[in-house]
């Protein structure tokens, strides 16, 4: 058995590194999209909460 040449090891390592780098960028993009969706959901939730509070205030004023 022959041991693999150093250049072959280097090229395999570089290929694996490039693959992992591409995978990392893909995961980073998905995370960014999820953070944007979470931010939008939080804005919608806050808006709904404010509308409920306003409705309760109006109901309280009408009740008085």
C-alpha atoms as a PDB file:
ATOM      1  CA  UNK A   1       0.000   0.000   0.000  1.00  0.00           C
ATOM      2  CA  UNK A   2       1.134   3.443  -0.868  1.00  0.00           C
ATOM      3  CA  UNK A   3       0.437   6.415   1.327  1.00  0.00           C
ATOM      4  CA  UNK A   4      -1.460   9.223  -0.386  1.00  0.00           C
ATOM      5  CA  UNK A   5       0.626  12.052  -1.735  1.00  0.00           C
ATOM      6  CA  UNK A   6       0.668  15.343   0.169  1.00  0.00           C
ATOM      7  CA  UNK A   7      -0.842  17.244  -2.763  1.00  0.00           C
ATOM      8  CA  UNK A   8      -3.731  14.787  -2.923  1.00  0.00           C
ATOM      9  CA  UNK A   9      -4.386  15.238   0.803  1.00  0.00           C
ATOM     10  CA  UNK A  10      -4.214  18.992   0.380  1.00  0.00           C
ATOM     11  CA  UNK A  11      -6.682  19.030  -2.514  1.00  0.00           C
ATOM     12  CA  UNK A  12      -9.107  16.790  -0.604  1.00  0.00           C
ATOM     13  CA  UNK A  13      -8.836  19.024   2.443  1.00  0.00           C
ATOM     14  CA  UNK A  14      -9.449  22.128   0.351  1.00  0.00           C
ATOM     15  CA  UNK A  15     -12.456  20.514  -1.328  1.00  0.00           C
ATOM     16  CA  UNK A  16     -13.912  19.551   2.056  1.00  0.00           C
ATOM     17  CA  UNK A  17     -13.251  23.073   3.348  1.00  0.00           C
ATOM     18  CA  UNK A  18     -14.996  24.667   0.365  1.00  0.00           C
ATOM     19  CA  UNK A  19     -17.965  22.346   0.813  1.00  0.00           C
ATOM     20  CA  UNK A  20     -18.258  23.242   4.503  1.00  0.00           C
ATOM     21  CA  UNK A  21     -17.902  26.938   3.696  1.00  0.00           C
ATOM     22  CA  UNK A  22     -20.749  26.740   1.171  1.00  0.00           C
ATOM     23  CA  UNK A  23     -22.858  24.824   3.710  1.00  0.00           C
ATOM     24  CA  UNK A  24     -22.143  27.478   6.340  1.00  0.00           C
ATOM     25  CA  UNK A  25     -23.212  30.285   3.997  1.00  0.00           C
ATOM     26  CA  UNK A  26     -26.435  28.438   3.189  1.00  0.00           C
ATOM     27  CA  UNK A  27     -27.220  27.963   6.880  1.00  0.00           C
ATOM     28  CA  UNK A  28     -26.365  31.607   7.565  1.00  0.00           C
ATOM     29  CA  UNK A  29     -28.822  32.730   4.864  1.00  0.00           C
ATOM     30  CA  UNK A  30     -31.577  30.503   6.274  1.00  0.00           C
ATOM     31  CA  UNK A  31     -30.928  31.922   9.745  1.00  0.00           C
ATOM     32  CA  UNK A  32     -31.177  35.467   8.391  1.00  0.00           C
ATOM     33  CA  UNK A  33     -34.524  34.654   6.748  1.00  0.00           C
ATOM     34  CA  UNK A  34     -35.835  33.124   9.973  1.00  0.00           C
ATOM     35  CA  UNK A  35     -34.774  36.171  11.972  1.00  0.00           C
ATOM     36  CA  UNK A  36     -36.612  38.446   9.533  1.00  0.00           C
ATOM     37  CA  UNK A  37     -39.742  36.281   9.776  1.00  0.00           C
ATOM     38  CA  UNK A  38     -39.506  36.347  13.577  1.00  0.00           C
ATOM     39  CA  UNK A  39     -39.180  40.134  13.547  1.00  0.00           C
ATOM     40  CA  UNK A  40     -42.257  40.458  11.310  1.00  0.00           C
ATOM     41  CA  UNK A  41     -44.214  38.092  13.542  1.00  0.00           C
ATOM     42  CA  UNK A  42     -43.210  40.093  16.617  1.00  0.00           C
ATOM     43  CA  UNK A  43     -44.373  43.339  14.968  1.00  0.00           C
ATOM     44  CA  UNK A  44     -47.714  41.750  14.101  1.00  0.00           C
ATOM     45  CA  UNK A  45     -48.087  40.430  17.650  1.00  0.00           C
ATOM     46  CA  UNK A  46     -47.287  43.834  19.159  1.00  0.00           C
ATOM     47  CA  UNK A  47     -49.801  45.496  16.840  1.00  0.00           C
ATOM     48  CA  UNK A  48     -52.491  43.005  17.871  1.00  0.00           C
ATOM     49  CA  UNK A  49     -51.713  43.562  21.547  1.00  0.00           C
ATOM     50  CA  UNK A  50     -52.015  47.333  21.141  1.00  0.00           C
ATOM     51  CA  UNK A  51     -55.330  46.957  19.329  1.00  0.00           C
ATOM     52  CA  UNK A  52     -56.690  44.745  22.115  1.00  0.00           C
ATOM     53  CA  UNK A  53     -55.595  47.283  24.737  1.00  0.00           C
ATOM     54  CA  UNK A  54     -57.276  50.078  22.777  1.00  0.00           C
ATOM     55  CA  UNK A  55     -60.471  48.075  22.483  1.00  0.00           C
ATOM     56  CA  UNK A  56     -60.473  47.386  26.222  1.00  0.00           C
ATOM     57  CA  UNK A  57     -59.947  51.083  26.948  1.00  0.00           C
ATOM     58  CA  UNK A  58     -62.853  52.040  24.686  1.00  0.00           C
ATOM     59  CA  UNK A  59     -65.035  49.408  26.347  1.00  0.00           C
ATOM     60  CA  UNK A  60     -64.145  50.749  29.753  1.00  0.00           C
ATOM     61  CA  UNK A  61     -64.984  54.326  28.705  1.00  0.00           C
ATOM     62  CA  UNK A  62     -68.328  53.203  27.250  1.00  0.00           C
ATOM     63  CA  UNK A  63     -69.070  51.248  30.429  1.00  0.00           C
ATOM     64  CA  UNK A  64     -68.598  54.331  32.585  1.00  0.00           C
END
